Protein backbone atom coordinates (compact mmCIF):
# COMPACT_ATOMS: atom_id res chain seq x y z
CA UNK A 1 12.15 17.10 -47.40
CA UNK A 2 10.58 13.65 -46.96
CA UNK A 3 10.23 11.95 -50.37
CA UNK A 4 7.28 9.58 -50.85
CA UNK A 5 7.85 7.08 -53.61
CA UNK A 6 6.29 4.20 -55.48
CA UNK A 7 6.50 0.57 -54.35
CA UNK A 8 7.71 -1.74 -57.12
CA UNK A 9 9.05 -5.30 -56.97
CA UNK A 10 9.10 -5.38 -53.20
CA UNK A 11 10.89 -2.09 -52.47
CA UNK A 12 10.13 1.62 -52.20
CA UNK A 13 11.34 2.97 -55.53
CA UNK A 14 12.29 6.59 -56.23
CA UNK A 15 11.90 7.55 -59.88
CA UNK A 16 12.51 11.19 -60.84
CA UNK A 17 9.41 12.97 -62.05
CA UNK A 18 6.77 15.55 -61.22
CA UNK A 19 6.33 16.07 -57.48
CA UNK A 20 3.34 17.23 -55.46
CA UNK A 21 3.36 18.57 -51.89
CA UNK A 22 1.89 16.54 -49.04
CA UNK A 23 0.61 18.65 -46.15
CA UNK A 24 0.28 18.17 -42.43
CA UNK A 25 -3.35 19.34 -42.04
CA UNK A 26 -2.79 20.22 -38.38
CA UNK A 27 -0.17 22.85 -39.22
CA UNK A 28 -0.80 23.65 -42.87
CA UNK A 29 2.88 23.01 -43.56
CA UNK A 30 4.33 20.74 -46.22
CA UNK A 31 5.43 17.46 -44.61
CA UNK A 32 6.72 15.74 -47.74
CA UNK A 33 6.66 15.42 -51.49
CA UNK A 34 5.07 12.60 -53.47
CA UNK A 35 6.46 11.57 -56.85
CA UNK A 36 3.89 11.20 -59.63
CA UNK A 37 4.40 8.33 -62.02
CA UNK A 38 5.19 8.93 -65.67
CA UNK A 39 3.56 6.84 -68.35
CA UNK A 40 6.69 4.68 -68.50
CA UNK A 41 6.57 4.09 -64.75
CA UNK A 42 2.96 2.93 -64.99
CA UNK A 43 3.99 0.48 -67.71
CA UNK A 44 6.77 -0.82 -65.47
CA UNK A 45 4.37 -1.33 -62.56
CA UNK A 46 1.75 -3.10 -64.66
CA UNK A 47 4.36 -5.40 -66.21
CA UNK A 48 5.66 -6.26 -62.75
CA UNK A 49 2.11 -6.97 -61.55
CA UNK A 50 1.35 -9.20 -64.53
CA UNK A 51 4.44 -11.29 -63.85
CA UNK A 52 3.57 -11.37 -60.16
CA UNK A 53 0.00 -12.48 -60.86
CA UNK A 54 1.24 -15.39 -62.95
CA UNK A 55 3.39 -16.62 -60.08
CA UNK A 56 0.98 -15.88 -57.23
CA UNK A 57 -2.05 -17.63 -58.76
CA UNK A 58 -0.06 -20.87 -58.59
CA UNK A 59 0.90 -20.42 -54.95
CA UNK A 60 -0.79 -22.94 -52.68
CA UNK A 61 -3.58 -21.90 -50.37
CA UNK A 62 -1.27 -22.64 -47.44
CA UNK A 63 1.34 -20.25 -48.85
CA UNK A 64 -1.20 -17.49 -49.41
CA UNK A 65 -2.83 -17.85 -46.00
CA UNK A 66 0.60 -17.95 -44.38
CA UNK A 67 1.50 -14.58 -45.89
CA UNK A 68 -1.81 -13.09 -44.74
CA UNK A 69 -1.44 -14.42 -41.20
CA UNK A 70 2.09 -13.00 -40.94
CA UNK A 71 0.90 -9.71 -42.46
CA UNK A 72 -1.87 -9.48 -39.85
CA UNK A 73 0.68 -9.82 -37.06
CA UNK A 74 2.94 -7.20 -38.62
CA UNK A 75 0.01 -4.78 -38.81
CA UNK A 76 -0.48 -5.25 -35.08
CA UNK A 77 3.23 -4.90 -34.37
CA UNK A 78 3.42 -1.65 -36.34
CA UNK A 79 0.02 -0.24 -35.32
CA UNK A 80 1.45 2.84 -33.60
CA UNK A 81 3.64 3.64 -36.59
CA UNK A 82 0.75 3.27 -39.07
CA UNK A 83 -1.56 5.35 -36.88
CA UNK A 84 1.05 8.11 -36.67
CA UNK A 85 1.38 8.15 -40.47
CA UNK A 86 -2.39 8.43 -40.83
CA UNK A 87 -2.56 11.29 -38.36
CA UNK A 88 0.39 13.10 -39.94
CA UNK A 89 -1.01 13.11 -43.48
CA UNK A 90 -4.78 12.91 -42.95
CA UNK A 91 -5.19 14.74 -39.64
CA UNK A 92 -7.58 12.40 -37.80
CA UNK A 93 -6.96 11.74 -34.13
CA UNK A 94 -4.63 8.96 -33.04
CA UNK A 95 -7.46 6.87 -31.49
CA UNK A 96 -9.47 7.28 -34.69
CA UNK A 97 -6.45 6.18 -36.74
CA UNK A 98 -6.13 3.07 -34.57
CA UNK A 99 -9.83 2.44 -35.10
CA UNK A 100 -9.34 2.65 -38.86
CA UNK A 101 -6.57 0.08 -38.70
CA UNK A 102 -8.70 -2.22 -36.53
CA UNK A 103 -11.53 -2.23 -39.08
CA UNK A 104 -9.03 -2.96 -41.86
CA UNK A 105 -7.61 -5.82 -39.83
CA UNK A 106 -11.04 -7.45 -39.82
CA UNK A 107 -10.81 -7.85 -43.59
CA UNK A 108 -7.34 -9.37 -43.36
CA UNK A 109 -8.59 -11.82 -40.74
CA UNK A 110 -11.54 -12.75 -42.94
CA UNK A 111 -9.23 -13.37 -45.90
CA UNK A 112 -6.98 -15.58 -43.77
CA UNK A 113 -9.76 -18.18 -44.01
CA UNK A 114 -9.29 -18.47 -47.76
CA UNK A 115 -9.10 -22.27 -47.76
CA UNK A 116 -12.71 -22.32 -46.59
CA UNK A 117 -13.85 -19.24 -48.53
CA UNK A 118 -12.54 -20.45 -51.90
CA UNK A 119 -13.91 -23.97 -51.68
CA UNK A 120 -15.78 -25.02 -54.79
CA UNK A 121 -18.66 -27.48 -55.02
CA UNK A 122 -18.97 -31.04 -56.33
CA UNK A 123 -21.89 -33.05 -57.65
CA UNK A 124 -21.39 -36.74 -58.25
CA UNK A 125 -23.20 -38.83 -60.88
CA UNK A 126 -25.25 -36.02 -62.42
CA UNK A 127 -25.57 -38.41 -65.35
CA UNK A 128 -24.32 -41.93 -65.89
CA UNK A 129 -20.57 -41.75 -65.10
CA UNK A 130 -20.58 -37.92 -65.17
CA UNK A 131 -19.46 -35.66 -62.29
CA UNK A 132 -19.50 -31.85 -62.09
CA UNK A 133 -17.40 -29.56 -59.93
CA UNK A 134 -16.99 -25.79 -59.69
CA UNK A 135 -14.02 -23.64 -58.71
CA UNK A 136 -13.08 -19.98 -58.55
CA UNK A 137 -9.89 -18.57 -60.01
CA UNK A 138 -8.22 -15.13 -59.70
CA UNK A 139 -9.06 -12.48 -62.27
CA UNK A 140 -5.39 -11.45 -62.64
CA UNK A 141 -4.22 -7.86 -62.09
CA UNK A 142 -6.40 -5.70 -59.83
CA UNK A 143 -6.10 -1.90 -59.58
CA UNK A 144 -7.22 -0.46 -56.23
CA UNK A 145 -7.88 3.30 -56.33
CA UNK A 146 -8.26 4.40 -52.72
CA UNK A 147 -9.53 7.60 -51.05
CA UNK A 148 -7.80 10.05 -48.73
CA UNK A 149 -10.17 9.59 -45.80
CA UNK A 150 -9.13 5.99 -45.01
CA UNK A 151 -5.55 5.55 -46.27
CA UNK A 152 -5.10 2.19 -44.49
CA UNK A 153 -8.56 0.70 -44.03
CA UNK A 154 -9.79 0.89 -47.62
CA UNK A 155 -6.57 -0.53 -49.14
CA UNK A 156 -6.86 -3.41 -46.64
CA UNK A 157 -10.51 -3.92 -47.64
CA UNK A 158 -9.38 -4.41 -51.22
CA UNK A 159 -5.98 -6.09 -51.04
CA UNK A 160 -6.85 -8.75 -48.46
CA UNK A 161 -9.44 -10.58 -50.56
CA UNK A 162 -7.67 -9.87 -53.82
CA UNK A 163 -4.40 -11.39 -52.59
CA UNK A 164 -6.18 -14.29 -50.91
CA UNK A 165 -7.78 -15.14 -54.24
CA UNK A 166 -4.39 -15.19 -56.01
CA UNK A 167 -4.39 -11.82 -57.77
CA UNK A 168 -1.69 -9.17 -58.05
CA UNK A 169 -2.72 -5.75 -56.69
CA UNK A 170 -1.69 -2.25 -57.76
CA UNK A 171 -2.75 0.47 -55.30
CA UNK A 172 -3.10 4.04 -56.50
CA UNK A 173 -3.56 5.97 -53.23
CA UNK A 174 -4.72 9.53 -52.83
CA UNK A 175 -1.92 11.99 -53.44
CA UNK A 176 -3.01 13.77 -50.24
CA UNK A 177 -1.90 10.97 -47.89
CA UNK A 178 0.20 8.55 -49.95
CA UNK A 179 2.68 7.18 -47.38
CA UNK A 180 0.58 4.49 -45.63
CA UNK A 181 0.13 2.43 -48.80
CA UNK A 182 3.89 2.24 -49.31
CA UNK A 183 4.32 1.09 -45.73
CA UNK A 184 1.68 -1.59 -46.27
CA UNK A 185 3.74 -2.82 -49.22
CA UNK A 186 6.86 -3.06 -47.06
CA UNK A 187 4.97 -5.05 -44.44
CA UNK A 188 3.57 -7.41 -47.08
CA UNK A 189 7.09 -8.03 -48.38
CA UNK A 190 8.27 -8.69 -44.83
CA UNK A 191 5.39 -11.19 -44.51
CA UNK A 192 6.77 -13.12 -47.48
CA UNK A 193 4.68 -11.82 -50.39
CA UNK A 194 6.65 -12.34 -53.64
CA UNK A 195 7.88 -9.35 -55.64
CA UNK A 196 5.39 -7.86 -58.07
CA UNK A 197 2.30 -9.20 -56.34
CA UNK A 198 1.69 -5.88 -54.55
CA UNK A 199 2.65 -2.50 -55.99
CA UNK A 200 1.95 1.14 -55.25
CA UNK A 201 1.97 3.73 -58.00
CA UNK A 202 1.61 7.39 -57.03
CA UNK A 203 -0.08 9.89 -59.28
CA UNK A 204 -3.00 12.00 -60.36
CA UNK A 205 -5.93 11.60 -62.76
CA UNK A 206 -3.58 10.92 -65.69
CA UNK A 207 -2.19 7.87 -63.91
CA UNK A 208 -5.71 6.67 -63.10
CA UNK A 209 -6.80 6.96 -66.73
CA UNK A 210 -3.80 4.96 -67.91
CA UNK A 211 -4.40 2.24 -65.33
CA UNK A 212 -8.13 1.77 -65.88
CA UNK A 213 -7.75 1.42 -69.64
CA UNK A 214 -4.55 -0.62 -69.63
CA UNK A 215 -4.95 -3.92 -71.54
CA UNK A 216 -3.06 -5.85 -68.84
CA UNK A 217 -5.41 -4.72 -66.05
CA UNK A 218 -8.34 -7.05 -65.36
CA UNK A 219 -10.34 -5.47 -62.54
CA UNK A 220 -10.72 -2.10 -60.83
CA UNK A 221 -11.85 -1.29 -57.28
CA UNK A 222 -12.57 2.33 -56.41
CA UNK A 223 -13.84 4.30 -53.42
CA UNK A 224 -14.40 8.04 -53.73
CA UNK A 225 -16.87 10.67 -54.88
CA UNK A 226 -19.87 9.83 -57.04
CA UNK A 227 -18.81 11.79 -60.15
CA UNK A 228 -15.43 10.06 -60.20
CA UNK A 229 -16.97 6.67 -59.38
CA UNK A 230 -19.37 7.01 -62.32
CA UNK A 231 -16.54 8.05 -64.66
CA UNK A 232 -14.28 5.18 -63.60
CA UNK A 233 -17.11 2.67 -63.92
CA UNK A 234 -18.07 3.86 -67.40
CA UNK A 235 -14.49 4.13 -68.66
CA UNK A 236 -13.36 0.87 -67.12
CA UNK A 237 -16.31 -1.21 -68.31
CA UNK A 238 -16.02 0.24 -71.82
CA UNK A 239 -12.41 -0.97 -71.77
CA UNK A 240 -13.64 -4.45 -70.86
CA UNK A 241 -12.70 -4.37 -67.17
CA UNK A 242 -14.57 -5.70 -64.18
CA UNK A 243 -15.33 -2.62 -62.04
CA UNK A 244 -16.69 -1.95 -58.58
CA UNK A 245 -16.90 1.77 -57.85
CA UNK A 246 -18.24 3.06 -54.55
CA UNK A 247 -19.36 6.68 -54.62
CA UNK A 248 -20.59 9.37 -52.27
CA UNK A 249 -23.29 9.54 -49.65
CA UNK A 250 -25.80 11.69 -47.84
CA UNK A 251 -26.54 9.54 -44.82
CA UNK A 252 -29.72 10.19 -42.85
CA UNK A 253 -30.43 9.42 -39.20
CA UNK A 254 -34.13 9.27 -38.44
CA UNK A 255 -35.15 10.05 -34.86
CA UNK A 256 -38.72 9.10 -33.94
CA UNK A 257 -40.60 10.75 -31.05
CA UNK A 258 -40.26 7.60 -28.91
CA UNK A 259 -36.46 7.45 -29.21
CA UNK A 260 -34.19 7.77 -26.21
CA UNK A 261 -33.20 11.43 -26.59
CA UNK A 262 -29.80 11.16 -24.92
CA UNK A 263 -28.83 8.05 -26.89
CA UNK A 264 -29.90 9.71 -30.16
CA UNK A 265 -28.04 12.94 -29.40
CA UNK A 266 -24.85 11.06 -28.49
CA UNK A 267 -25.13 9.04 -31.69
CA UNK A 268 -25.61 12.16 -33.82
CA UNK A 269 -22.47 13.72 -32.35
CA UNK A 270 -20.36 10.61 -32.80
CA UNK A 271 -21.52 9.89 -36.34
CA UNK A 272 -21.49 13.46 -37.64
CA UNK A 273 -18.24 14.81 -36.23
CA UNK A 274 -15.92 11.83 -35.91
CA UNK A 275 -12.93 12.25 -38.22
CA UNK A 276 -14.17 15.82 -38.89
CA UNK A 277 -17.09 14.36 -40.85
CA UNK A 278 -14.72 12.97 -43.50
CA UNK A 279 -16.31 9.54 -43.59
CA UNK A 280 -18.50 8.15 -46.34
CA UNK A 281 -20.70 6.70 -43.58
CA UNK A 282 -20.87 9.91 -41.55
CA UNK A 283 -24.36 11.06 -40.62
CA UNK A 284 -24.83 14.41 -42.32
CA UNK A 285 -28.63 14.73 -41.93
CA UNK A 286 -30.75 14.16 -38.85
CA UNK A 287 -34.41 13.67 -39.70
CA UNK A 288 -36.41 14.81 -36.68
CA UNK A 289 -39.90 13.32 -36.77
CA UNK A 290 -42.86 15.04 -35.13
CA UNK A 291 -42.31 17.12 -32.03
CA UNK A 292 -38.88 15.84 -31.04
CA UNK A 293 -36.89 18.36 -33.11
CA UNK A 294 -36.44 21.20 -30.60
CA UNK A 295 -35.40 18.97 -27.71
CA UNK A 296 -33.09 16.97 -29.98
CA UNK A 297 -31.40 20.09 -31.34
CA UNK A 298 -30.88 21.39 -27.80
CA UNK A 299 -29.34 18.08 -26.73
CA UNK A 300 -27.03 17.97 -29.75
CA UNK A 301 -26.01 21.62 -29.29
CA UNK A 302 -25.08 21.09 -25.65
CA UNK A 303 -22.86 18.18 -26.61
CA UNK A 304 -21.24 20.12 -29.47
CA UNK A 305 -20.16 22.79 -27.03
CA UNK A 306 -18.08 20.21 -25.17
CA UNK A 307 -16.14 19.04 -28.23
CA UNK A 308 -12.43 19.81 -28.52
CA UNK A 309 -10.95 20.40 -31.97
CA UNK A 310 -7.19 20.31 -32.42
CA UNK A 311 -4.15 18.44 -33.77
CA UNK A 312 -4.91 14.75 -34.02
CA UNK A 313 -1.84 13.62 -32.06
CA UNK A 314 -2.78 15.63 -28.95
CA UNK A 315 -4.56 13.91 -26.07
CA UNK A 316 -8.16 14.87 -25.41
CA UNK A 317 -8.90 16.05 -28.95
CA UNK A 318 -12.27 14.88 -30.32
CA UNK A 319 -11.56 15.59 -33.97
CA UNK A 320 -8.82 17.17 -36.01
CA UNK A 321 -8.53 19.26 -39.15
CA UNK A 322 -9.95 18.50 -42.58
CA UNK A 323 -7.64 17.30 -45.31
CA UNK A 324 -6.85 20.53 -47.23
CA UNK A 325 -7.20 24.27 -47.06
CA UNK A 326 -9.56 24.12 -50.05
CA UNK A 327 -11.80 21.64 -48.21
CA UNK A 328 -11.92 23.87 -45.14
CA UNK A 329 -12.86 26.94 -47.17
CA UNK A 330 -15.48 25.05 -49.17
CA UNK A 331 -17.10 23.71 -45.98
CA UNK A 332 -17.15 27.17 -44.40
CA UNK A 333 -18.77 28.59 -47.54
CA UNK A 334 -21.50 25.95 -47.33
CA UNK A 335 -22.45 27.30 -43.90
CA UNK A 336 -22.49 30.88 -45.20
CA UNK A 337 -24.66 29.86 -48.14
CA UNK A 338 -27.04 27.95 -45.88
CA UNK A 339 -27.67 31.10 -43.86
CA UNK A 340 -28.41 32.96 -47.09
CA UNK A 341 -30.94 30.22 -47.94
CA UNK A 342 -32.85 30.86 -44.73
CA UNK A 343 -31.42 27.95 -42.75
CA UNK A 344 -30.92 28.64 -39.05
CA UNK A 345 -27.26 28.36 -38.05
CA UNK A 346 -27.43 26.81 -34.58
CA UNK A 347 -23.67 26.39 -34.26
CA UNK A 348 -21.05 27.93 -36.55
CA UNK A 349 -17.55 26.50 -36.50
CA UNK A 350 -15.98 29.19 -38.64
CA UNK A 351 -14.17 30.79 -35.69
CA UNK A 352 -11.52 28.06 -36.01
CA UNK A 353 -10.78 28.88 -39.64
CA UNK A 354 -8.19 31.47 -38.59
CA UNK A 355 -6.05 28.85 -36.82
CA UNK A 356 -2.90 27.51 -38.46
CA UNK A 357 -3.79 24.32 -40.23
CA UNK A 358 -7.03 23.31 -41.89
CA UNK A 359 -9.46 23.54 -38.99
CA UNK A 360 -13.18 24.18 -38.89
CA UNK A 361 -15.35 23.62 -35.85
CA UNK A 362 -18.59 21.62 -35.61
CA UNK A 363 -21.56 23.19 -37.38
CA UNK A 364 -25.29 22.55 -36.84
CA UNK A 365 -27.92 23.72 -39.34
CA UNK A 366 -31.66 23.69 -38.62
CA UNK A 367 -34.28 23.83 -41.36
CA UNK A 368 -32.27 22.13 -44.09
CA UNK A 369 -34.44 20.80 -46.91
CA UNK A 370 -34.20 19.28 -50.39
CA UNK A 371 -33.36 21.80 -53.06
CA UNK A 372 -30.76 23.56 -50.93
CA UNK A 373 -27.05 22.91 -51.34
CA UNK A 374 -26.80 22.19 -47.61
CA UNK A 375 -29.04 19.17 -48.20
CA UNK A 376 -28.32 18.14 -51.78
CA UNK A 377 -24.52 18.19 -51.76
CA UNK A 378 -22.09 15.92 -49.94
CA UNK A 379 -20.32 18.51 -47.80
CA UNK A 380 -17.84 15.99 -46.35
CA UNK A 381 -16.99 17.97 -43.24
CA UNK A 382 -18.16 18.56 -39.65
CA UNK A 383 -21.56 19.91 -40.69
CA UNK A 384 -24.80 18.34 -39.42
CA UNK A 385 -28.12 19.38 -40.93
CA UNK A 386 -31.53 18.87 -39.37
CA UNK A 387 -34.60 18.22 -41.50
CA UNK A 388 -37.97 18.42 -39.74
CA UNK A 389 -40.74 16.11 -40.98
CA UNK A 390 -44.22 15.42 -39.70
CA UNK A 391 -44.30 11.63 -39.63
CA UNK A 392 -42.60 8.31 -40.40
CA UNK A 393 -43.91 8.16 -43.98
CA UNK A 394 -42.39 11.57 -44.74
CA UNK A 395 -39.04 10.46 -43.35
CA UNK A 396 -38.99 7.35 -45.56
CA UNK A 397 -40.02 9.39 -48.60
CA UNK A 398 -37.20 11.88 -47.94
CA UNK A 399 -34.62 9.09 -47.78
CA UNK A 400 -35.90 7.24 -50.84
CA UNK A 401 -36.03 10.39 -52.96
CA UNK A 402 -32.37 11.15 -52.21
CA UNK A 403 -30.06 10.06 -55.05
CA UNK A 404 -27.60 8.50 -52.59
CA UNK A 405 -28.20 5.21 -50.82
CA UNK A 406 -25.13 4.38 -48.78
CA UNK A 407 -26.14 4.23 -45.10
CA UNK A 408 -29.13 5.15 -42.95
CA UNK A 409 -30.09 4.80 -39.30
CA UNK A 410 -33.30 4.95 -37.29
CA UNK A 411 -33.61 5.59 -33.57
CA UNK A 412 -36.74 4.21 -31.95
CA UNK A 413 -37.96 1.90 -29.20
CA UNK A 414 -40.59 0.35 -31.50
CA UNK A 415 -39.31 -2.92 -32.97
CA UNK A 416 -42.17 -3.21 -35.45
CA UNK A 417 -41.48 0.23 -36.89
CA UNK A 418 -37.78 -0.59 -37.11
CA UNK A 419 -38.56 -3.83 -38.95
CA UNK A 420 -40.73 -2.00 -41.48
CA UNK A 421 -38.03 0.66 -41.88
CA UNK A 422 -35.46 -1.91 -42.97
CA UNK A 423 -37.84 -3.04 -45.71
CA UNK A 424 -39.08 0.42 -46.71
CA UNK A 425 -35.83 2.32 -47.37
CA UNK A 426 -33.79 2.04 -50.58
CA UNK A 427 -30.39 2.08 -48.88
CA UNK A 428 -27.64 -0.54 -48.77
CA UNK A 429 -26.64 -0.41 -45.08
CA UNK A 430 -29.12 0.18 -42.27
CA UNK A 431 -28.63 0.75 -38.55
CA UNK A 432 -31.29 0.25 -35.88
CA UNK A 433 -30.19 2.48 -33.00
CA UNK A 434 -26.72 2.18 -34.59
CA UNK A 435 -25.63 5.42 -36.27
CA UNK A 436 -22.77 4.08 -38.46
CA UNK A 437 -23.86 0.64 -39.70
CA UNK A 438 -20.57 -0.52 -41.22
CA UNK A 439 -20.90 -4.33 -41.34
CA UNK A 440 -18.34 -6.73 -39.94
CA UNK A 441 -16.00 -8.32 -42.47
CA UNK A 442 -18.05 -11.49 -42.87
CA UNK A 443 -20.66 -9.35 -44.63
CA UNK A 444 -20.05 -6.85 -47.42
CA UNK A 445 -19.97 -3.05 -47.52
CA UNK A 446 -21.83 -1.09 -50.17
CA UNK A 447 -24.72 1.19 -50.96
CA UNK A 448 -27.44 1.59 -53.55
CA UNK A 449 -28.30 4.18 -56.20
CA UNK A 450 -25.56 6.77 -56.80
CA UNK A 451 -23.47 5.35 -53.97
CA UNK A 452 -22.46 2.28 -55.98
CA UNK A 453 -21.64 1.61 -59.62
CA UNK A 454 -21.46 -2.05 -60.49
CA UNK A 455 -23.17 -4.89 -58.70
CA UNK A 456 -20.43 -5.97 -56.27
CA UNK A 457 -20.09 -4.59 -52.76
CA UNK A 458 -16.64 -4.40 -51.19
CA UNK A 459 -14.88 -6.88 -48.84
CA UNK A 460 -16.59 -9.94 -47.36
CA UNK A 461 -18.15 -12.59 -49.62
CA UNK A 462 -19.14 -10.18 -52.41
CA UNK A 463 -15.62 -8.77 -52.47
CA UNK A 464 -14.13 -12.23 -52.76
CA UNK A 465 -16.46 -13.07 -55.63
CA UNK A 466 -15.48 -9.84 -57.38
CA UNK A 467 -11.80 -10.81 -57.36
CA UNK A 468 -12.48 -14.31 -58.74
CA UNK A 469 -14.09 -15.90 -61.78
CA UNK A 470 -16.06 -19.12 -61.73
CA UNK A 471 -15.35 -22.29 -63.67
CA UNK A 472 -17.53 -25.37 -63.94
CA UNK A 473 -15.92 -28.66 -65.00
CA UNK A 474 -17.95 -31.62 -66.26
CA UNK A 475 -16.02 -34.90 -66.13
CA UNK A 476 -16.57 -38.35 -67.59
CA UNK A 477 -14.10 -41.22 -67.79
CA UNK A 478 -15.64 -43.51 -70.41
CA UNK A 479 -15.03 -47.18 -70.89
CA UNK A 480 -14.08 -48.38 -74.38
CA UNK A 481 -17.52 -49.92 -74.77
CA UNK A 482 -19.18 -46.49 -74.21
CA UNK A 483 -18.11 -45.15 -77.60
CA UNK A 484 -21.05 -43.94 -79.69
CA UNK A 485 -22.17 -41.11 -81.96
CA UNK A 486 -25.09 -39.01 -80.71
CA UNK A 487 -25.73 -35.54 -82.18
CA UNK A 488 -28.58 -34.77 -79.80
CA UNK A 489 -28.29 -32.02 -77.15
CA UNK A 490 -26.61 -33.39 -73.98
CA UNK A 491 -29.08 -34.55 -71.37
CA UNK A 492 -28.32 -35.41 -67.77
CA UNK A 493 -30.06 -38.79 -67.69
């Protein structure tokens, strides 16, 4: 049985303890066992990270950027291996796994420019003989709690900027697909990262609670469901930590009557069913405005019938299984419940549930509306709901009344309407004829409302600011003749 361990002081470290099975979602069989950390192991990891942070913050910018550049190349060199690990433990297709790695690489490439990104500012002669300059310093030890749906991309989003800024990073990956984080640690060590600066600790909620309240932890980054994000934010901030916690989503795609029907239907398929719908930016609701609904549903249905569902490593597969048997059964029950609520089931993927593995086919629901579980809950599977509304104003109202605010898209040929849409909706990331508006790494990723707790988005400039603290230094080199006593408030004149 393959044993999946922690990563401590530069090596994969096996420590006896409670084990949990790791499944291959394509077969339903156990592919390995992950070791959960004891309280003592967590203490060991945090102590190692604290020592590593002390050393790494004093590394030169050239040393840090050198490690990141070498790490980037190693990620490229080992892309097939990392993609295979993702597919084995998560189930997504091999091309999708490569796509995940590519988006993570963007963040590493951004962080490689740390000498420019971490530049402070300087103001000369703000008062007679007085200069002021600012700088940013690392916060210290960062805990990165990462989700199962992107076991490489999200850790790279967090660790790249955090390491560039001079912090030590502890990753607590999902216990469902824990291997990729350990492999990232090995590649970082091969790139020259000193021991203790990057660690992986495996575990469950008990490990998370110990980490987010630990006195030697300074900051926490989290991506996952909204209830857990809220809990981590509240617990972490009460313990005096800096916290960014990204939660769930219910992403809408508005299709106006003037939209290109084929383009919109293609986009709905790609955004709803890629990675079996297990993306926080997946489109789960199409908002059909006016009279376009019937034609749009027909176009989407025809495309759904051409999709191939199967093991992620097989050629020609469009999407693979979901992550667990429990997820599959929960998703299938959502479809059953939607029918009981009077929603029309246009396509029902439950015929795949009897396959070995954790498969469910693409599902399309017509007549979804607020107040129903099929609309209100984040299903996180290959289920696309259609809400019919009369006009643009109703579409905007629907989006703004939803408690989530992660991503949204609009499909239209009218540039003026699109411009107003970007100003009207209360959502963090917006696509104009782009169904999954994940920004490039030079910008930052994050939503509004119940999709984000804290005020810092992830990666990009906001991510870099999150992993650093500002200092302002006021300097004066007086002459002996300048000595005087003045109890008045300092004035810059």
